[in-house]
């Protein structure tokens, strides 16, 4: 997904603290140039009605491995822990959004309703949630130029170059355990439009000010 184009579904969709020790939070990382990042993912699985959920999950996982410093280690982490550390700033970055802002925008904290909302809000894309720290992570292109600052939007941050992010295994798509994909990646490289992420972030504080937060 590129960074151009007009969001198609936004109008139809609308009617805390940074965890310092969470594996899904921001941590310092070495420059990927110092290590050898994983190879580029292989062939692209075409999106069609004939592909199965496991096929889509495998294709998404294979693409995400392109952000791993050690692809084999990332596979083991996903298999054993459900979370693998990937390097931001290459093929992907991520915008971290406190759940309270998302829930305020949706006007509910019921996860199934929030997930449905995100599916309508974003024109494609991929978002997962850390249930323990109550943070959402919207995956965006690695070259994304995030326009907002954390002074005006506390807790919101774009995780780019020189950062690692614990990314949830593609098979985890239900709200249980440590983390899950509330908007699973449907095809390799299917990332969120940056302007849609920005609009969601801006909607949350406005809703909180109106008393719509949880």
N, C-alpha and C. Protein backbone atom coordinates (compact mmCIF):
# COMPACT_ATOMS: atom_id res chain seq x y z
N UNK A 1 0.84 -1.19 0.00
CA UNK A 1 0.00 0.00 0.00
C UNK A 1 0.88 1.23 0.00
N UNK A 2 0.60 2.18 -0.87
CA UNK A 2 1.40 3.38 -0.97
C UNK A 2 0.84 4.47 -0.07
N UNK A 3 1.50 5.60 -0.04
CA UNK A 3 1.07 6.72 0.78
C UNK A 3 0.29 7.75 -0.01
N UNK A 4 -0.23 7.38 -1.15
CA UNK A 4 -1.03 8.31 -1.93
C UNK A 4 -2.45 7.80 -2.00
N UNK A 5 -3.36 8.66 -2.40
CA UNK A 5 -4.73 8.24 -2.54
C UNK A 5 -5.59 8.84 -1.45
N UNK A 6 -6.88 8.80 -1.65
CA UNK A 6 -7.83 9.36 -0.71
C UNK A 6 -8.47 8.27 0.10
N UNK A 7 -8.52 8.37 1.45
CA UNK A 7 -9.18 7.35 2.27
C UNK A 7 -10.61 7.15 1.81
N UNK A 8 -11.05 5.89 1.72
CA UNK A 8 -12.36 5.57 1.17
C UNK A 8 -13.43 5.34 2.22
N UNK A 9 -13.03 5.01 3.45
CA UNK A 9 -14.02 4.51 4.40
C UNK A 9 -14.14 5.36 5.65
N UNK A 10 -13.40 6.48 5.75
CA UNK A 10 -13.35 7.20 7.02
C UNK A 10 -14.71 7.75 7.41
N UNK A 11 -15.44 8.36 6.46
CA UNK A 11 -16.71 8.98 6.81
C UNK A 11 -17.72 7.95 7.29
N UNK A 12 -17.63 6.73 6.78
CA UNK A 12 -18.56 5.68 7.21
C UNK A 12 -18.20 5.14 8.57
N UNK A 13 -16.97 5.30 8.99
CA UNK A 13 -16.53 4.70 10.25
C UNK A 13 -16.95 5.51 11.46
N UNK A 14 -17.07 6.85 11.33
CA UNK A 14 -17.35 7.67 12.51
C UNK A 14 -18.84 7.84 12.67
N UNK A 15 -19.75 7.74 13.27
CA UNK A 15 -21.15 8.15 13.46
C UNK A 15 -21.20 9.45 14.19
N UNK A 16 -1.89 5.57 28.15
CA UNK A 16 -1.47 6.20 29.31
C UNK A 16 0.00 6.19 29.38
N UNK A 17 -0.03 6.00 30.03
CA UNK A 17 1.41 6.22 30.17
C UNK A 17 2.21 5.22 29.35
N UNK A 18 3.42 5.63 28.94
CA UNK A 18 4.29 4.76 28.14
C UNK A 18 4.88 3.65 28.99
N UNK A 19 4.60 2.39 28.68
CA UNK A 19 5.14 1.28 29.48
C UNK A 19 6.63 1.12 29.24
N UNK A 20 7.43 1.25 30.28
CA UNK A 20 8.88 1.24 30.10
C UNK A 20 9.46 -0.15 30.00
N UNK A 21 8.74 -1.18 30.45
CA UNK A 21 9.31 -2.51 30.49
C UNK A 21 8.57 -3.49 29.60
N UNK A 22 7.61 -3.02 28.83
CA UNK A 22 6.80 -3.91 28.02
C UNK A 22 7.57 -4.31 26.78
N UNK A 23 7.49 -5.60 26.41
CA UNK A 23 8.22 -6.07 25.23
C UNK A 23 7.73 -5.40 23.96
N UNK A 24 6.48 -4.91 23.96
CA UNK A 24 5.96 -4.27 22.78
C UNK A 24 6.25 -2.78 22.74
N UNK A 25 6.92 -2.26 23.77
CA UNK A 25 7.19 -0.84 23.81
C UNK A 25 8.47 -0.51 23.07
N UNK A 26 8.75 0.79 22.97
CA UNK A 26 9.93 1.28 22.28
C UNK A 26 11.18 0.93 23.04
N UNK A 27 12.18 0.34 22.34
CA UNK A 27 13.45 0.07 22.96
C UNK A 27 14.55 0.49 22.00
N UNK A 28 15.70 0.86 22.55
CA UNK A 28 16.82 1.26 21.69
C UNK A 28 17.31 0.06 20.91
N UNK A 29 17.71 0.31 19.68
CA UNK A 29 18.17 -0.79 18.82
C UNK A 29 19.39 -0.35 18.06
N UNK A 30 20.26 -1.29 17.71
CA UNK A 30 21.42 -0.95 16.90
C UNK A 30 21.01 -0.60 15.48
N UNK A 31 21.86 0.12 14.81
CA UNK A 31 21.61 0.45 13.41
C UNK A 31 21.59 -0.85 12.60
N UNK A 32 20.51 -1.09 11.81
CA UNK A 32 20.46 -2.33 11.02
C UNK A 32 21.66 -2.51 10.13
N UNK A 33 22.34 -1.40 9.78
CA UNK A 33 23.51 -1.53 8.90
C UNK A 33 24.65 -2.23 9.60
N UNK A 34 24.63 -2.22 10.97
CA UNK A 34 25.68 -2.90 11.72
C UNK A 34 25.50 -4.41 11.71
N UNK A 35 24.26 -4.84 11.53
CA UNK A 35 23.98 -6.27 11.46
C UNK A 35 23.51 -6.58 10.06
N UNK A 36 23.16 -7.81 9.82
CA UNK A 36 22.69 -8.16 8.49
C UNK A 36 21.22 -8.46 8.56
N UNK A 37 20.38 -7.55 8.07
CA UNK A 37 18.95 -7.79 8.13
C UNK A 37 18.58 -8.99 7.29
N UNK A 38 17.35 -9.49 7.55
CA UNK A 38 16.90 -10.65 6.81
C UNK A 38 16.74 -10.36 5.34
N UNK A 39 16.70 -11.41 4.58
CA UNK A 39 16.54 -11.25 3.15
C UNK A 39 15.17 -10.67 2.86
N UNK A 40 15.03 -10.15 1.70
CA UNK A 40 13.72 -9.67 1.29
C UNK A 40 12.79 -10.88 1.19
N UNK A 41 11.53 -10.65 1.58
CA UNK A 41 10.57 -11.74 1.52
C UNK A 41 10.41 -12.21 0.09
N UNK A 42 9.99 -13.44 -0.07
CA UNK A 42 9.90 -14.02 -1.39
C UNK A 42 8.69 -13.57 -2.17
N UNK A 43 8.12 -14.47 -2.93
CA UNK A 43 7.03 -14.13 -3.83
C UNK A 43 5.82 -13.61 -3.08
N UNK A 44 5.02 -12.83 -3.77
CA UNK A 44 3.82 -12.23 -3.19
C UNK A 44 2.63 -13.13 -3.48
N UNK A 45 1.87 -13.39 -2.44
CA UNK A 45 0.67 -14.18 -2.61
C UNK A 45 -0.45 -13.26 -3.08
N UNK A 46 -1.04 -13.56 -4.19
CA UNK A 46 -2.08 -12.70 -4.72
C UNK A 46 -3.31 -12.78 -3.84
N UNK A 47 -3.90 -11.60 -3.61
CA UNK A 47 -5.12 -11.55 -2.81
C UNK A 47 -6.29 -11.94 -3.69
N UNK A 48 -7.00 -12.96 -3.31
CA UNK A 48 -8.18 -13.38 -4.05
C UNK A 48 -9.08 -14.15 -3.11
N UNK A 49 -10.30 -14.36 -3.54
CA UNK A 49 -11.25 -15.09 -2.72
C UNK A 49 -10.86 -16.54 -2.54
N UNK A 50 -9.84 -17.02 -3.28
CA UNK A 50 -9.45 -18.41 -3.20
C UNK A 50 -8.38 -18.66 -2.14
N UNK A 51 -7.78 -17.61 -1.60
CA UNK A 51 -6.75 -17.81 -0.59
C UNK A 51 -7.40 -18.08 0.76
N UNK A 52 -6.79 -18.96 1.53
CA UNK A 52 -7.30 -19.29 2.85
C UNK A 52 -6.68 -18.39 3.90
N UNK A 53 -7.27 -18.39 5.09
CA UNK A 53 -6.72 -17.59 6.19
C UNK A 53 -5.29 -18.01 6.51
N UNK A 54 -4.98 -19.30 6.64
CA UNK A 54 -3.59 -19.69 6.90
C UNK A 54 -2.63 -19.22 5.80
N UNK A 55 -3.07 -19.24 4.54
CA UNK A 55 -2.22 -18.76 3.45
C UNK A 55 -1.92 -17.27 3.60
N UNK A 56 -2.95 -16.49 3.93
CA UNK A 56 -2.75 -15.06 4.12
C UNK A 56 -1.84 -14.79 5.30
N UNK A 57 -2.02 -15.56 6.39
CA UNK A 57 -1.17 -15.38 7.56
C UNK A 57 0.28 -15.72 7.23
N UNK A 58 0.49 -16.78 6.47
CA UNK A 58 1.85 -17.18 6.10
C UNK A 58 2.49 -16.11 5.22
N UNK A 59 1.72 -15.58 4.27
CA UNK A 59 2.25 -14.56 3.38
C UNK A 59 2.62 -13.30 4.15
N UNK A 60 1.76 -12.91 5.10
CA UNK A 60 2.04 -11.73 5.92
C UNK A 60 3.28 -11.96 6.78
N UNK A 61 3.39 -13.15 7.39
CA UNK A 61 4.54 -13.46 8.23
C UNK A 61 5.82 -13.42 7.40
N UNK A 62 5.77 -13.98 6.20
CA UNK A 62 6.96 -14.01 5.35
C UNK A 62 7.41 -12.60 4.99
N UNK A 63 6.45 -11.72 4.72
CA UNK A 63 6.81 -10.34 4.40
C UNK A 63 7.39 -9.64 5.63
N UNK A 64 6.77 -9.82 6.79
CA UNK A 64 7.25 -9.18 8.02
C UNK A 64 8.66 -9.61 8.38
N UNK A 65 9.03 -10.83 8.00
CA UNK A 65 10.38 -11.31 8.28
C UNK A 65 11.45 -10.47 7.58
N UNK A 66 11.04 -9.69 6.58
CA UNK A 66 11.98 -8.78 5.94
C UNK A 66 12.48 -7.69 6.88
N UNK A 67 11.80 -7.51 8.04
CA UNK A 67 12.23 -6.52 9.03
C UNK A 67 13.01 -7.16 10.18
N UNK A 68 13.28 -8.46 10.07
CA UNK A 68 14.00 -9.16 11.13
C UNK A 68 15.50 -9.12 10.89
N UNK A 69 16.26 -8.89 11.95
CA UNK A 69 17.72 -8.99 11.84
C UNK A 69 18.12 -10.45 11.66
N UNK A 70 17.42 -11.34 12.34
CA UNK A 70 17.66 -12.78 12.24
C UNK A 70 16.32 -13.46 11.97
N UNK A 71 16.10 -13.86 10.74
CA UNK A 71 14.80 -14.43 10.35
C UNK A 71 14.49 -15.71 11.12
N UNK A 72 15.48 -16.58 11.30
CA UNK A 72 15.25 -17.83 12.02
C UNK A 72 14.87 -17.57 13.47
N UNK A 73 15.56 -16.61 14.10
CA UNK A 73 15.23 -16.27 15.49
C UNK A 73 13.83 -15.70 15.59
N UNK A 74 13.45 -14.86 14.64
CA UNK A 74 12.10 -14.28 14.64
C UNK A 74 11.04 -15.37 14.54
N UNK A 75 11.28 -16.36 13.69
CA UNK A 75 10.33 -17.47 13.56
C UNK A 75 10.19 -18.21 14.89
N UNK A 76 11.30 -18.46 15.56
CA UNK A 76 11.27 -19.15 16.85
C UNK A 76 10.51 -18.31 17.87
N UNK A 77 10.75 -17.01 17.89
CA UNK A 77 10.05 -16.13 18.83
C UNK A 77 8.56 -16.15 18.58
N UNK A 78 8.15 -16.11 17.33
CA UNK A 78 6.72 -16.19 17.02
C UNK A 78 6.13 -17.52 17.44
N UNK A 79 6.85 -18.61 17.17
CA UNK A 79 6.35 -19.94 17.51
C UNK A 79 6.24 -20.15 19.01
N UNK A 80 7.26 -19.70 19.74
CA UNK A 80 7.33 -20.00 21.18
C UNK A 80 6.72 -18.92 22.07
N UNK A 81 6.80 -17.65 21.65
CA UNK A 81 6.35 -16.56 22.50
C UNK A 81 5.16 -15.79 21.93
N UNK A 82 4.93 -15.94 20.63
CA UNK A 82 3.85 -15.19 20.00
C UNK A 82 4.23 -13.77 19.64
N UNK A 83 5.47 -13.37 19.92
CA UNK A 83 5.95 -12.02 19.64
C UNK A 83 7.39 -12.11 19.16
N UNK A 84 7.71 -11.38 18.09
CA UNK A 84 9.08 -11.35 17.58
C UNK A 84 9.54 -9.89 17.46
N UNK A 85 10.79 -9.64 17.85
CA UNK A 85 11.35 -8.31 17.72
C UNK A 85 11.77 -8.04 16.28
N UNK A 86 11.16 -7.02 15.69
CA UNK A 86 11.49 -6.61 14.33
C UNK A 86 12.05 -5.19 14.36
N UNK A 87 12.84 -4.87 13.36
CA UNK A 87 13.49 -3.56 13.29
C UNK A 87 12.63 -2.58 12.51
N UNK A 88 12.37 -1.44 13.11
CA UNK A 88 11.59 -0.39 12.44
C UNK A 88 12.50 0.48 11.58
N UNK A 89 11.90 1.17 10.63
CA UNK A 89 12.63 2.12 9.82
C UNK A 89 13.10 1.58 8.48
N UNK A 90 12.87 0.28 8.24
CA UNK A 90 13.23 -0.32 6.96
C UNK A 90 11.99 -0.46 6.10
N UNK A 91 11.41 -1.66 6.11
CA UNK A 91 10.20 -1.87 5.32
C UNK A 91 8.96 -1.39 6.05
N UNK A 92 9.08 -1.15 7.35
CA UNK A 92 7.92 -0.71 8.11
C UNK A 92 8.33 0.16 9.29
N UNK A 93 7.39 0.97 9.75
CA UNK A 93 7.46 1.67 11.03
C UNK A 93 6.12 1.43 11.70
N UNK A 94 5.93 1.97 12.89
CA UNK A 94 4.66 1.77 13.59
C UNK A 94 4.32 3.01 14.39
N UNK A 95 3.04 3.35 14.41
CA UNK A 95 2.56 4.45 15.25
C UNK A 95 1.88 3.83 16.47
N UNK A 96 2.42 4.16 17.65
CA UNK A 96 1.84 3.66 18.90
C UNK A 96 0.78 4.63 19.39
N UNK A 97 -0.42 4.12 19.67
CA UNK A 97 -1.55 4.95 20.08
C UNK A 97 -2.15 4.37 21.37
N UNK A 98 -2.23 5.15 22.45
CA UNK A 98 -2.87 4.65 23.67
C UNK A 98 -4.31 4.22 23.40
N UNK A 99 -4.71 3.12 24.00
CA UNK A 99 -6.04 2.59 23.75
C UNK A 99 -7.13 3.59 24.12
N UNK A 100 -6.89 4.40 25.14
CA UNK A 100 -7.92 5.34 25.58
C UNK A 100 -8.30 6.31 24.47
N UNK A 101 -7.32 6.67 23.60
CA UNK A 101 -7.63 7.56 22.49
C UNK A 101 -8.45 6.86 21.43
N UNK A 102 -8.09 5.61 21.15
CA UNK A 102 -8.85 4.85 20.16
C UNK A 102 -10.26 4.60 20.67
N UNK A 103 -10.38 4.20 21.93
CA UNK A 103 -11.70 3.92 22.49
C UNK A 103 -12.56 5.17 22.54
N UNK A 104 -11.94 6.32 22.78
CA UNK A 104 -12.71 7.57 22.78
C UNK A 104 -13.25 7.86 21.39
N UNK A 105 -12.43 7.61 20.37
CA UNK A 105 -12.87 7.84 18.99
C UNK A 105 -14.03 6.91 18.63
N UNK A 106 -13.95 5.67 19.09
CA UNK A 106 -14.98 4.68 18.78
C UNK A 106 -16.19 4.81 19.69
N UNK A 107 -15.97 5.45 20.87
CA UNK A 107 -16.98 5.61 21.90
C UNK A 107 -17.39 4.28 22.54
N UNK A 108 -16.42 3.36 22.61
CA UNK A 108 -16.61 2.11 23.33
C UNK A 108 -15.25 1.48 23.56
N UNK A 109 -15.16 0.66 24.63
CA UNK A 109 -13.94 -0.11 24.85
C UNK A 109 -14.19 -1.60 24.63
N UNK A 110 -15.32 -1.95 24.03
CA UNK A 110 -15.59 -3.33 23.69
C UNK A 110 -14.76 -3.70 22.46
N UNK A 111 -13.83 -4.61 22.66
CA UNK A 111 -12.82 -4.86 21.65
C UNK A 111 -13.39 -5.31 20.31
N UNK A 112 -14.43 -6.11 20.32
CA UNK A 112 -15.00 -6.56 19.05
C UNK A 112 -15.55 -5.38 18.25
N UNK A 113 -16.19 -4.43 18.95
CA UNK A 113 -16.72 -3.25 18.26
C UNK A 113 -15.58 -2.35 17.79
N UNK A 114 -14.52 -2.25 18.60
CA UNK A 114 -13.37 -1.45 18.20
C UNK A 114 -12.72 -2.04 16.95
N UNK A 115 -12.57 -3.36 16.94
CA UNK A 115 -11.97 -4.03 15.79
C UNK A 115 -12.79 -3.78 14.52
N UNK A 116 -14.11 -3.86 14.65
CA UNK A 116 -14.98 -3.62 13.49
C UNK A 116 -14.83 -2.17 13.01
N UNK A 117 -14.72 -1.25 13.96
CA UNK A 117 -14.53 0.16 13.62
C UNK A 117 -13.23 0.36 12.84
N UNK A 118 -12.14 -0.25 13.32
CA UNK A 118 -10.86 -0.10 12.65
C UNK A 118 -10.91 -0.66 11.23
N UNK A 119 -11.66 -1.74 11.06
CA UNK A 119 -11.80 -2.32 9.73
C UNK A 119 -12.52 -1.38 8.77
N UNK A 120 -13.42 -0.55 9.30
CA UNK A 120 -14.11 0.43 8.47
C UNK A 120 -13.28 1.70 8.28
N UNK A 121 -12.56 2.08 9.33
CA UNK A 121 -11.79 3.33 9.30
C UNK A 121 -10.63 3.26 8.30
N UNK A 122 -9.89 2.14 8.36
CA UNK A 122 -8.70 2.01 7.52
C UNK A 122 -9.04 1.36 6.19
N UNK A 123 -8.47 1.91 5.14
CA UNK A 123 -8.60 1.32 3.80
C UNK A 123 -7.49 0.30 3.65
N UNK A 124 -7.69 -0.89 4.22
CA UNK A 124 -6.63 -1.88 4.30
C UNK A 124 -5.80 -1.62 5.54
N UNK A 125 -4.52 -2.01 5.48
CA UNK A 125 -3.63 -1.75 6.60
C UNK A 125 -3.55 -2.88 7.60
N UNK A 126 -2.76 -2.65 8.66
CA UNK A 126 -2.53 -3.67 9.67
C UNK A 126 -2.33 -2.99 11.03
N UNK A 127 -3.07 -3.47 12.03
CA UNK A 127 -3.01 -2.91 13.38
C UNK A 127 -3.06 -4.05 14.38
N UNK A 128 -2.15 -4.04 15.37
CA UNK A 128 -2.27 -5.00 16.46
C UNK A 128 -2.31 -4.26 17.78
N UNK A 129 -2.75 -4.97 18.84
CA UNK A 129 -2.92 -4.36 20.15
C UNK A 129 -2.18 -5.16 21.21
N UNK A 130 -1.47 -4.45 22.07
CA UNK A 130 -0.87 -5.04 23.26
C UNK A 130 -1.91 -4.92 24.37
N UNK A 131 -2.48 -6.06 24.75
CA UNK A 131 -3.57 -6.06 25.72
C UNK A 131 -3.10 -5.67 27.11
N UNK A 132 -1.85 -5.96 27.44
CA UNK A 132 -1.35 -5.67 28.79
C UNK A 132 -1.12 -4.18 28.99
N UNK A 133 -0.45 -3.56 28.05
CA UNK A 133 -0.15 -2.13 28.20
C UNK A 133 -1.25 -1.25 27.62
N UNK A 134 -2.23 -1.87 26.94
CA UNK A 134 -3.34 -1.15 26.31
C UNK A 134 -2.82 -0.08 25.34
N UNK A 135 -2.08 -0.59 24.35
CA UNK A 135 -1.55 0.25 23.28
C UNK A 135 -1.89 -0.40 21.94
N UNK A 136 -2.27 0.45 21.00
CA UNK A 136 -2.47 -0.01 19.62
C UNK A 136 -1.24 0.36 18.80
N UNK A 137 -0.90 -0.49 17.83
CA UNK A 137 0.23 -0.24 16.94
C UNK A 137 -0.25 -0.35 15.50
N UNK A 138 -0.25 0.78 14.80
CA UNK A 138 -0.63 0.81 13.39
C UNK A 138 0.65 0.76 12.56
N UNK A 139 0.78 -0.26 11.73
CA UNK A 139 1.98 -0.40 10.91
C UNK A 139 1.89 0.53 9.69
N UNK A 140 2.95 1.29 9.47
CA UNK A 140 3.02 2.25 8.37
C UNK A 140 4.33 2.04 7.63
N UNK A 141 4.50 2.64 6.44
CA UNK A 141 5.76 2.48 5.71
C UNK A 141 6.96 2.97 6.52
N UNK A 142 8.10 2.34 6.30
CA UNK A 142 9.30 2.67 7.05
C UNK A 142 9.78 4.09 6.84
N UNK A 143 9.41 4.69 5.71
CA UNK A 143 9.83 6.05 5.40
C UNK A 143 8.80 7.09 5.82
N UNK A 144 7.81 6.67 6.60
CA UNK A 144 6.72 7.58 6.98
C UNK A 144 7.26 8.79 7.75
N UNK A 145 6.77 9.97 7.40
CA UNK A 145 7.15 11.22 8.06
C UNK A 145 5.99 11.62 8.96
N UNK A 146 6.03 11.22 10.23
CA UNK A 146 4.92 11.44 11.16
C UNK A 146 4.81 12.93 11.49
N UNK A 147 3.64 13.55 11.29
CA UNK A 147 3.53 15.00 11.43
C UNK A 147 3.21 15.50 12.84
N UNK A 148 2.82 14.61 13.77
CA UNK A 148 2.39 15.05 15.09
C UNK A 148 3.51 14.88 16.11
N UNK A 149 3.42 15.63 17.21
CA UNK A 149 4.43 15.52 18.27
C UNK A 149 3.79 15.02 19.55
N UNK A 150 4.62 14.39 20.41
CA UNK A 150 4.08 13.77 21.62
C UNK A 150 3.72 14.80 22.68
N UNK A 151 4.11 16.06 22.49
CA UNK A 151 3.70 17.08 23.44
C UNK A 151 2.20 17.37 23.31
N UNK A 152 1.74 17.43 22.07
CA UNK A 152 0.32 17.69 21.82
C UNK A 152 -0.52 16.42 21.91
N UNK A 153 0.11 15.27 21.71
CA UNK A 153 -0.61 13.99 21.75
C UNK A 153 0.19 13.02 22.63
N UNK A 154 0.10 13.18 23.96
CA UNK A 154 0.91 12.36 24.88
C UNK A 154 0.68 10.87 24.67
N UNK A 155 1.76 10.13 24.65
CA UNK A 155 1.68 8.68 24.50
C UNK A 155 1.69 8.20 23.07
N UNK A 156 1.45 9.11 22.12
CA UNK A 156 1.46 8.74 20.70
C UNK A 156 2.87 8.95 20.17
N UNK A 157 3.39 7.95 19.48
CA UNK A 157 4.75 8.07 18.95
C UNK A 157 4.92 7.20 17.73
N UNK A 158 5.65 7.72 16.76
CA UNK A 158 6.00 6.93 15.58
C UNK A 158 7.34 6.26 15.84
N UNK A 159 7.36 4.96 15.79
CA UNK A 159 8.56 4.18 16.03
C UNK A 159 9.23 3.88 14.69
N UNK A 160 10.32 4.56 14.45
CA UNK A 160 11.01 4.41 13.17
C UNK A 160 12.43 3.91 13.35
N UNK A 161 13.33 4.43 12.56
CA UNK A 161 14.71 3.98 12.54
C UNK A 161 15.32 3.97 13.94
N UNK A 162 16.18 2.99 14.21
CA UNK A 162 16.88 2.81 15.48
C UNK A 162 15.97 2.33 16.60
N UNK A 163 14.85 1.71 16.24
CA UNK A 163 13.95 1.15 17.24
C UNK A 163 13.54 -0.26 16.85
N UNK A 164 13.37 -1.11 17.85
CA UNK A 164 12.80 -2.43 17.66
C UNK A 164 11.36 -2.41 18.17
N UNK A 165 10.55 -3.25 17.58
CA UNK A 165 9.16 -3.39 18.02
C UNK A 165 8.82 -4.86 18.12
N UNK A 166 8.20 -5.26 19.22
CA UNK A 166 7.70 -6.62 19.35
C UNK A 166 6.42 -6.75 18.55
N UNK A 167 6.45 -7.52 17.47
CA UNK A 167 5.31 -7.66 16.57
C UNK A 167 4.65 -9.01 16.79
N UNK A 168 3.35 -8.99 16.89
CA UNK A 168 2.55 -10.18 17.19
C UNK A 168 2.57 -11.18 16.04
N UNK A 169 2.56 -12.46 16.38
CA UNK A 169 2.48 -13.52 15.36
C UNK A 169 1.19 -13.38 14.57
N UNK A 170 1.26 -13.61 13.27
CA UNK A 170 0.11 -13.38 12.39
C UNK A 170 -1.07 -14.29 12.71
N UNK A 171 -0.84 -15.41 13.38
CA UNK A 171 -1.93 -16.34 13.70
C UNK A 171 -2.81 -15.83 14.84
N UNK A 172 -2.35 -14.86 15.61
CA UNK A 172 -3.07 -14.39 16.80
C UNK A 172 -4.02 -13.27 16.40
N UNK A 173 -5.27 -13.62 16.22
CA UNK A 173 -6.26 -12.66 15.71
C UNK A 173 -7.49 -12.53 16.61
N UNK A 174 -7.41 -13.04 17.83
CA UNK A 174 -8.51 -12.88 18.78
C UNK A 174 -7.99 -12.22 20.04
N UNK A 175 -8.81 -11.40 20.71
CA UNK A 175 -8.36 -10.63 21.88
C UNK A 175 -8.16 -11.47 23.13
N UNK A 176 -7.06 -12.19 23.16
CA UNK A 176 -6.72 -13.01 24.32
C UNK A 176 -5.21 -13.12 24.40
N UNK A 177 -4.70 -13.48 25.58
CA UNK A 177 -3.27 -13.59 25.75
C UNK A 177 -2.61 -12.24 25.86
N UNK A 178 -1.41 -12.12 25.31
CA UNK A 178 -0.61 -10.90 25.43
C UNK A 178 -1.00 -9.82 24.42
N UNK A 179 -1.18 -10.24 23.16
CA UNK A 179 -1.46 -9.28 22.10
C UNK A 179 -2.15 -10.00 20.95
N UNK A 180 -2.78 -9.23 20.08
CA UNK A 180 -3.47 -9.84 18.94
C UNK A 180 -3.61 -8.80 17.82
N UNK A 181 -3.84 -9.31 16.60
CA UNK A 181 -4.08 -8.46 15.45
C UNK A 181 -5.56 -8.09 15.41
N UNK A 182 -5.86 -6.82 15.68
CA UNK A 182 -7.25 -6.37 15.58
C UNK A 182 -7.61 -6.01 14.14
N UNK A 183 -6.59 -5.71 13.33
CA UNK A 183 -6.77 -5.52 11.90
C UNK A 183 -5.63 -6.28 11.21
N UNK A 184 -5.84 -7.57 10.93
CA UNK A 184 -4.76 -8.39 10.36
C UNK A 184 -4.33 -7.91 8.98
N UNK A 185 -3.05 -8.09 8.68
CA UNK A 185 -2.51 -7.79 7.36
C UNK A 185 -3.08 -8.80 6.37
N UNK A 186 -3.77 -8.31 5.34
CA UNK A 186 -4.45 -9.18 4.39
C UNK A 186 -3.57 -9.63 3.23
N UNK A 187 -2.50 -8.89 2.98
CA UNK A 187 -1.57 -9.25 1.91
C UNK A 187 -0.21 -8.68 2.26
N UNK A 188 0.86 -9.24 1.73
CA UNK A 188 2.20 -8.75 2.06
C UNK A 188 2.36 -7.26 1.78
N UNK A 189 2.87 -6.53 2.77
CA UNK A 189 3.11 -5.11 2.60
C UNK A 189 1.89 -4.23 2.70
N UNK A 190 0.76 -4.79 3.15
CA UNK A 190 -0.48 -4.01 3.28
C UNK A 190 -0.40 -3.18 4.55
N UNK A 191 0.08 -1.94 4.45
CA UNK A 191 0.29 -1.06 5.59
C UNK A 191 -0.76 0.03 5.63
N UNK A 192 -0.87 0.69 6.78
CA UNK A 192 -1.88 1.74 6.95
C UNK A 192 -1.48 3.01 6.21
N UNK A 193 -2.46 3.70 5.68
CA UNK A 193 -2.22 5.04 5.16
C UNK A 193 -1.91 5.96 6.33
N UNK A 194 -0.87 6.76 6.20
CA UNK A 194 -0.45 7.62 7.30
C UNK A 194 -1.51 8.67 7.64
N UNK A 195 -2.20 9.20 6.64
CA UNK A 195 -3.20 10.23 6.93
C UNK A 195 -4.39 9.66 7.68
N UNK A 196 -4.69 8.37 7.46
CA UNK A 196 -5.79 7.74 8.21
C UNK A 196 -5.39 7.54 9.67
N UNK A 197 -4.12 7.19 9.90
CA UNK A 197 -3.64 7.05 11.28
C UNK A 197 -3.68 8.41 11.97
N UNK A 198 -3.21 9.43 11.30
CA UNK A 198 -3.21 10.78 11.88
C UNK A 198 -4.63 11.23 12.22
N UNK A 199 -5.56 10.99 11.32
CA UNK A 199 -6.94 11.41 11.57
C UNK A 199 -7.53 10.68 12.78
N UNK A 200 -7.20 9.39 12.94
CA UNK A 200 -7.68 8.65 14.10
C UNK A 200 -7.11 9.23 15.38
N UNK A 201 -5.81 9.54 15.38
CA UNK A 201 -5.17 10.11 16.55
C UNK A 201 -5.80 11.45 16.91
N UNK A 202 -6.09 12.27 15.92
CA UNK A 202 -6.68 13.59 16.18
C UNK A 202 -8.12 13.46 16.69
N UNK A 203 -8.82 12.41 16.28
CA UNK A 203 -10.21 12.23 16.70
C UNK A 203 -10.31 11.88 18.18
N UNK A 204 -9.33 11.11 18.71
CA UNK A 204 -9.40 10.66 20.09
C UNK A 204 -9.46 11.78 21.11
N UNK A 205 -8.52 12.73 21.12
CA UNK A 205 -8.57 13.82 22.10
C UNK A 205 -9.84 14.66 21.99
N UNK A 206 -10.31 14.87 20.76
CA UNK A 206 -11.53 15.64 20.58
C UNK A 206 -12.71 14.93 21.23
N UNK A 207 -12.75 13.60 21.07
CA UNK A 207 -13.83 12.82 21.69
C UNK A 207 -13.72 12.82 23.21
N UNK A 208 -12.48 12.75 23.72
CA UNK A 208 -12.28 12.82 25.16
C UNK A 208 -12.76 14.16 25.72
N UNK A 209 -12.46 15.23 24.99
CA UNK A 209 -12.88 16.57 25.43
C UNK A 209 -14.40 16.70 25.47
N UNK A 210 -15.06 15.93 24.63
CA UNK A 210 -16.53 15.96 24.59
C UNK A 210 -17.14 14.98 25.59
N UNK A 211 -16.28 14.31 26.35
CA UNK A 211 -16.80 13.34 27.31
C UNK A 211 -17.06 11.99 26.73
N UNK A 212 -16.47 11.70 25.55
CA UNK A 212 -16.71 10.42 24.91
C UNK A 212 -15.72 9.35 25.29
N UNK A 213 -14.70 9.67 26.13
CA UNK A 213 -13.71 8.68 26.52
C UNK A 213 -14.25 7.72 27.52
N UNK A 214 -13.49 6.61 27.70
CA UNK A 214 -13.89 5.58 28.64
C UNK A 214 -13.18 5.78 29.96
